[in-house]
Protein backbone atom coordinates (compact mmCIF):
# COMPACT_ATOMS: atom_id res chain seq x y z
CA MET A 1 5.35 37.55 -1.95
CA SER A 2 2.35 39.31 -0.44
CA VAL A 3 -0.96 41.18 -1.85
CA ALA A 4 -0.78 44.82 -0.14
CA SER A 5 -4.24 45.96 1.84
CA GLY A 6 -5.77 48.76 1.89
CA ILE A 7 -6.30 49.37 -2.07
CA SER A 8 -9.88 50.11 -2.57
CA ARG A 9 -11.44 48.14 -5.37
CA ARG A 10 -13.95 49.86 -7.39
CA SER A 11 -12.96 47.45 -10.64
CA GLU A 12 -11.40 44.56 -9.69
CA ALA A 13 -8.84 45.00 -12.24
CA VAL A 14 -5.89 46.91 -10.55
CA ARG A 15 -3.49 44.26 -8.29
CA VAL A 16 -0.70 45.03 -5.67
CA GLU A 17 2.48 43.33 -5.09
CA ILE A 18 4.95 43.09 -2.19
CA ASP A 19 8.22 41.18 -2.72
CA SER A 20 11.57 42.14 -0.41
CA GLY A 21 11.64 45.45 -0.81
CA VAL A 22 9.72 45.56 -4.74
CA GLY A 23 6.15 46.79 -5.02
CA VAL A 24 4.50 46.02 -7.97
CA VAL A 25 1.17 47.51 -9.40
CA THR A 26 -0.88 45.48 -12.81
CA LEU A 27 -3.61 45.97 -14.64
CA THR A 28 -5.53 43.38 -15.00
CA ARG A 29 -8.01 43.50 -17.76
CA PRO A 30 -6.23 41.26 -20.34
CA ASP A 31 -9.07 40.41 -22.27
CA ARG A 32 -9.26 43.97 -22.75
CA LEU A 33 -6.14 45.20 -23.05
CA ASN A 34 -5.70 46.87 -19.66
CA ALA A 35 -7.89 49.54 -21.65
CA LEU A 36 -9.19 51.81 -19.11
CA THR A 37 -12.11 53.11 -17.44
CA HIS A 38 -12.96 55.94 -14.97
CA ALA A 39 -13.10 53.15 -11.70
CA LEU A 40 -9.80 51.65 -12.90
CA LEU A 41 -7.80 55.03 -13.08
CA ARG A 42 -9.16 55.98 -9.42
CA ASP A 43 -8.11 52.24 -8.19
CA LEU A 44 -4.04 52.70 -9.99
CA ARG A 45 -3.81 55.84 -8.27
CA ASP A 46 -4.71 54.64 -4.83
CA ALA A 47 -2.35 51.96 -5.37
CA VAL A 48 0.28 53.40 -6.49
CA THR A 49 -0.38 56.43 -3.69
CA GLY A 50 -0.41 53.69 -0.99
CA ILE A 51 2.59 51.72 -2.24
CA GLY A 52 4.42 55.06 -1.93
CA ALA A 53 3.37 55.41 1.29
CA ARG A 54 4.65 52.06 2.78
CA ALA A 55 8.35 52.19 4.41
CA ASP A 56 8.73 48.33 2.98
CA VAL A 57 8.87 49.52 -0.50
CA GLY A 58 12.31 50.90 -2.04
CA ALA A 59 11.41 50.52 -5.95
CA VAL A 60 7.85 50.40 -7.73
CA VAL A 61 6.87 47.98 -10.87
CA LEU A 62 4.09 49.12 -12.91
CA ALA A 63 3.16 46.76 -15.58
CA GLY A 64 0.01 45.65 -17.35
CA GLN A 65 -0.95 42.01 -17.45
CA GLY A 66 -1.34 40.02 -20.70
CA ARG A 67 -0.19 41.07 -24.46
CA ALA A 68 -0.40 44.48 -23.99
CA PHE A 69 0.61 47.23 -20.87
CA CYS A 70 -2.07 49.15 -21.28
CA ALA A 71 -4.12 49.83 -24.71
CA GLY A 72 -5.35 53.64 -23.70
CA LEU A 73 -9.38 54.27 -23.16
CA ASP A 74 -12.14 51.65 -22.73
CA LEU A 75 -14.18 52.87 -26.20
CA ALA A 76 -17.05 50.96 -25.00
CA GLU A 77 -17.32 52.28 -21.12
CA GLY A 78 -15.04 55.57 -21.49
CA LEU A 79 -13.51 57.43 -18.68
CA ALA A 80 -16.48 59.62 -17.81
CA ASP A 81 -17.43 59.80 -14.50
CA PRO A 82 -21.07 58.33 -13.68
CA SER A 83 -21.87 60.60 -10.88
CA PRO A 84 -22.28 63.99 -12.64
CA ALA A 85 -25.45 64.76 -14.73
CA ASP A 86 -23.31 67.43 -16.17
CA PRO A 87 -21.59 66.10 -19.36
CA VAL A 88 -18.88 68.10 -19.04
CA GLU A 89 -18.45 68.32 -15.91
CA SER A 90 -18.59 64.41 -15.72
CA MET A 91 -16.09 64.11 -18.52
CA HIS A 92 -13.74 66.81 -17.04
CA SER A 93 -14.09 64.66 -13.81
CA GLY A 94 -12.59 61.15 -16.04
CA MET A 95 -9.53 63.58 -17.58
CA ARG A 96 -8.96 64.37 -13.87
CA ALA A 97 -9.12 61.09 -12.62
CA GLY A 98 -6.39 60.21 -15.00
CA ALA A 99 -4.07 63.66 -14.75
CA ALA A 100 -4.13 61.77 -10.55
CA VAL A 101 -2.32 58.82 -11.59
CA THR A 102 0.16 60.37 -13.82
CA ALA A 103 0.78 62.79 -10.77
CA ALA A 104 0.38 59.53 -8.10
CA ILE A 105 3.70 57.74 -10.24
CA ARG A 106 5.85 61.60 -10.51
CA ASP A 107 4.75 62.29 -6.62
CA ILE A 108 5.47 58.90 -4.97
CA PRO A 109 9.01 59.18 -3.33
CA GLN A 110 10.00 55.53 -4.83
CA PRO A 111 11.68 55.77 -8.68
CA VAL A 112 9.00 53.74 -10.92
CA ILE A 113 9.47 51.15 -13.28
CA ALA A 114 7.17 50.81 -16.57
CA ALA A 115 7.58 47.35 -17.69
CA VAL A 116 6.21 47.44 -21.06
CA GLN A 117 4.79 44.68 -23.50
CA GLY A 118 2.75 44.97 -26.54
CA TYR A 119 0.78 48.05 -26.95
CA ALA A 120 1.33 51.18 -24.44
CA VAL A 121 -1.88 53.97 -26.01
CA GLY A 122 -2.65 56.90 -25.36
CA ALA A 123 -2.94 57.46 -21.24
CA GLY A 124 -0.98 53.65 -21.57
CA PHE A 125 1.75 55.58 -23.09
CA ALA A 126 1.51 58.72 -20.85
CA PHE A 127 1.48 56.59 -17.73
CA ALA A 128 5.30 55.24 -19.20
CA ALA A 129 6.03 57.60 -19.30
CA ALA A 130 5.73 59.25 -16.09
CA ALA A 131 7.32 56.33 -14.61
CA ASP A 132 11.67 57.48 -13.98
CA VAL A 133 12.84 53.83 -16.19
CA ARG A 134 11.35 52.26 -19.17
CA ILE A 135 11.89 48.19 -20.31
CA VAL A 136 10.05 47.02 -22.90
CA SER A 137 9.60 44.12 -25.22
CA PRO A 138 10.48 43.38 -28.61
CA ASP A 139 6.99 43.94 -29.31
CA ALA A 140 6.11 46.86 -27.32
CA LYS A 141 4.52 49.69 -29.51
CA PHE A 142 3.94 53.26 -28.65
CA SER A 143 1.04 55.93 -29.86
CA ALA A 144 -0.55 58.84 -29.65
CA PRO A 145 -3.27 58.86 -31.93
CA PHE A 146 -5.15 61.71 -30.45
CA LEU A 147 -5.26 63.84 -33.65
CA ARG A 148 -6.84 61.30 -35.18
CA LEU A 149 -9.70 60.98 -32.88
CA GLY A 150 -10.24 64.46 -33.24
CA MET A 151 -8.86 65.47 -29.60
CA THR A 152 -6.09 67.52 -28.49
CA ALA A 153 -1.99 66.45 -28.64
CA GLY A 154 -2.26 64.73 -25.14
CA ASP A 155 -3.79 63.69 -22.11
CA PHE A 156 -2.80 62.72 -18.31
CA GLY A 157 0.25 64.52 -19.01
CA LEU A 158 1.76 62.91 -21.89
CA SER A 159 2.50 66.61 -24.18
CA TRP A 160 4.72 67.45 -20.59
CA LEU A 161 6.23 63.99 -20.32
CA LEU A 162 7.51 63.42 -23.70
CA PRO A 163 9.13 66.66 -24.64
CA ARG A 164 11.37 65.77 -21.31
CA LEU A 165 11.97 62.68 -22.42
CA ILE A 166 13.29 62.46 -25.96
CA GLY A 167 13.55 65.90 -27.12
CA HIS A 168 10.59 68.50 -28.19
CA GLY A 169 11.42 67.61 -32.18
CA ARG A 170 10.65 64.18 -31.96
CA ALA A 171 7.70 64.40 -29.20
CA ALA A 172 5.86 66.94 -31.75
CA SER A 173 6.60 64.62 -34.88
CA LEU A 174 5.38 61.99 -32.76
CA ILE A 175 1.51 63.61 -31.83
CA TYR A 176 1.46 66.04 -35.41
CA ALA A 177 1.40 62.68 -37.11
CA ALA A 178 -0.61 60.63 -34.42
CA GLY A 179 2.42 58.48 -34.88
CA ARG A 180 3.43 55.30 -33.31
CA LEU A 181 7.40 53.78 -32.11
CA ASP A 182 8.20 50.93 -31.81
CA ALA A 183 10.77 49.14 -29.64
CA GLY A 184 13.95 49.99 -31.70
CA GLN A 185 13.03 53.65 -32.02
CA ALA A 186 11.84 53.33 -28.02
CA LEU A 187 15.51 52.33 -27.36
CA GLU A 188 17.09 54.87 -30.11
CA TYR A 189 14.84 57.83 -28.94
CA GLY A 190 16.07 57.28 -24.92
CA LEU A 191 12.12 56.56 -23.94
CA ALA A 192 13.37 53.16 -23.43
CA SER A 193 16.51 51.98 -21.43
CA ALA A 194 16.47 48.63 -23.09
CA ILE A 195 14.76 45.76 -24.68
CA GLU A 196 14.17 42.46 -22.95
CA ALA A 197 12.12 39.13 -23.99
CA ASP A 198 10.68 39.75 -20.18
CA PRO A 199 10.72 43.18 -19.73
CA LEU A 200 8.66 42.42 -16.11
CA ALA A 201 11.40 40.01 -15.17
CA ALA A 202 14.06 42.75 -15.85
CA ALA A 203 12.32 45.62 -14.26
CA ARG A 204 11.39 43.02 -10.78
CA GLN A 205 15.11 42.66 -10.63
CA LEU A 206 15.93 46.15 -11.25
CA ALA A 207 13.46 46.92 -8.99
CA ALA A 208 15.09 44.77 -6.41
CA GLU A 209 18.47 46.20 -7.55
CA ILE A 210 17.65 49.58 -6.31
CA ALA A 211 15.53 48.66 -3.18
CA ALA A 212 18.65 46.98 -1.20
CA TYR A 213 20.18 50.28 -1.98
CA PRO A 214 19.80 52.81 1.28
CA SER A 215 16.22 54.50 0.78
CA TYR A 216 17.18 58.12 1.53
CA GLY A 217 19.67 58.27 -1.20
CA VAL A 218 16.85 56.34 -3.91
CA GLN A 219 14.38 59.23 -2.89
CA ALA A 220 16.62 62.16 -2.57
CA THR A 221 17.89 60.83 -6.15
CA LYS A 222 14.67 60.69 -7.63
CA ARG A 223 13.98 64.33 -6.60
CA LEU A 224 16.88 66.17 -7.90
CA LEU A 225 16.55 64.05 -10.98
CA ASP A 226 12.60 65.79 -11.82
CA SER A 227 13.71 69.03 -10.47
CA ALA A 228 16.69 69.22 -12.97
CA ALA A 229 14.86 70.28 -16.19
CA GLU A 230 13.60 73.26 -14.34
CA SER A 231 15.96 74.33 -11.66
CA PRO A 232 18.63 77.10 -12.38
CA LEU A 233 22.28 75.14 -12.24
CA ALA A 234 23.19 77.82 -9.76
CA ALA A 235 19.86 76.31 -6.94
CA HIS A 236 20.16 72.68 -8.86
CA LEU A 237 23.78 72.28 -7.59
CA GLU A 238 22.90 73.80 -3.64
CA ALA A 239 19.95 71.15 -3.35
CA GLU A 240 22.19 68.44 -4.39
CA ALA A 241 25.09 69.92 -1.79
CA ARG A 242 22.43 69.82 0.68
CA ALA A 243 20.68 66.52 0.01
CA GLN A 244 24.62 64.55 -0.18
CA THR A 245 25.72 66.43 3.20
CA ILE A 246 22.82 64.39 4.87
CA GLY A 247 23.38 61.03 3.12
CA ALA A 248 27.22 61.45 3.56
CA LEU A 249 26.68 62.02 7.33
CA SER A 250 23.22 59.29 7.65
CA ASP A 251 24.29 55.98 9.23
CA ALA A 252 24.31 53.96 6.03
CA ALA A 253 27.10 55.86 4.12
CA ARG A 254 28.86 55.77 7.51
CA GLU A 255 29.19 51.73 7.30
CA ALA A 256 29.63 52.01 3.63
CA PHE A 257 32.56 53.86 4.21
CA ALA A 258 33.80 51.99 6.66
CA THR A 259 33.52 48.81 4.90
CA ALA A 260 35.52 50.50 1.88
CA LEU A 261 38.18 51.95 4.10
CA ALA A 262 38.38 48.59 6.11
CA ALA A 263 38.65 46.76 2.63
CA THR A 264 41.64 48.90 1.46
CA LYS A 265 43.52 48.18 4.81
CA LYS A 266 43.77 44.68 4.11
CA PRO A 267 47.43 43.30 2.90
CA ALA A 268 47.87 41.60 -0.43
CA LYS A 269 48.52 38.32 -0.76
CA PRO A 270 51.75 37.36 -1.87
């Protein structure tokens, strides 16, 4: 395993590792439950974007060190950008930094798997929701307390992502109640794909399996899944047809088909 270079270190709270085609991005503020600051958000965006640009990475795991995935905003430091003198612009810059993390998770070509243990609160909930797959621990808790804190119904894309994951009605009920989901509810609602005693190990294993596939098919599939909810059926069918044509004519597909065909021609054992 190697630690990737070229990642900015404003916060010293984001670690990036590459292991056999799997990239792992980890929040490393366990003493603060991986709570977010402006500097950490910028580091996290750069880490995700940087690992997404690597041709040797086929899948990405997003994790938090310690007993929580991410407890949301660091109440002591806040998210505001210290650079602008205007307080409104300072806060807006902080919010844009968090939105950029969600955009990076969605925009990189590789699937992202969130390994969630303990709390995923507010922005932590949003970043987990932005991932393609969520594997959670039995003690995982997803919380959206915004209205209770006098804020709006979501930030960093949660009010866009959550209805698409669990349905508008369930998302509205959760957010308006400023409530939380435990691991069992997350699995029932389809937010989590599995409950595992060690979600990080399970996420790494799934990522390794994905990374072993030819990259074109994986990345084209992510694009198709992401665009499906917004595309008319006819347009999506055409996008599928184009993507599958390219895939079927690739060297990787030709080799796989030849191997499968050769296996069918082997004589049966007496």
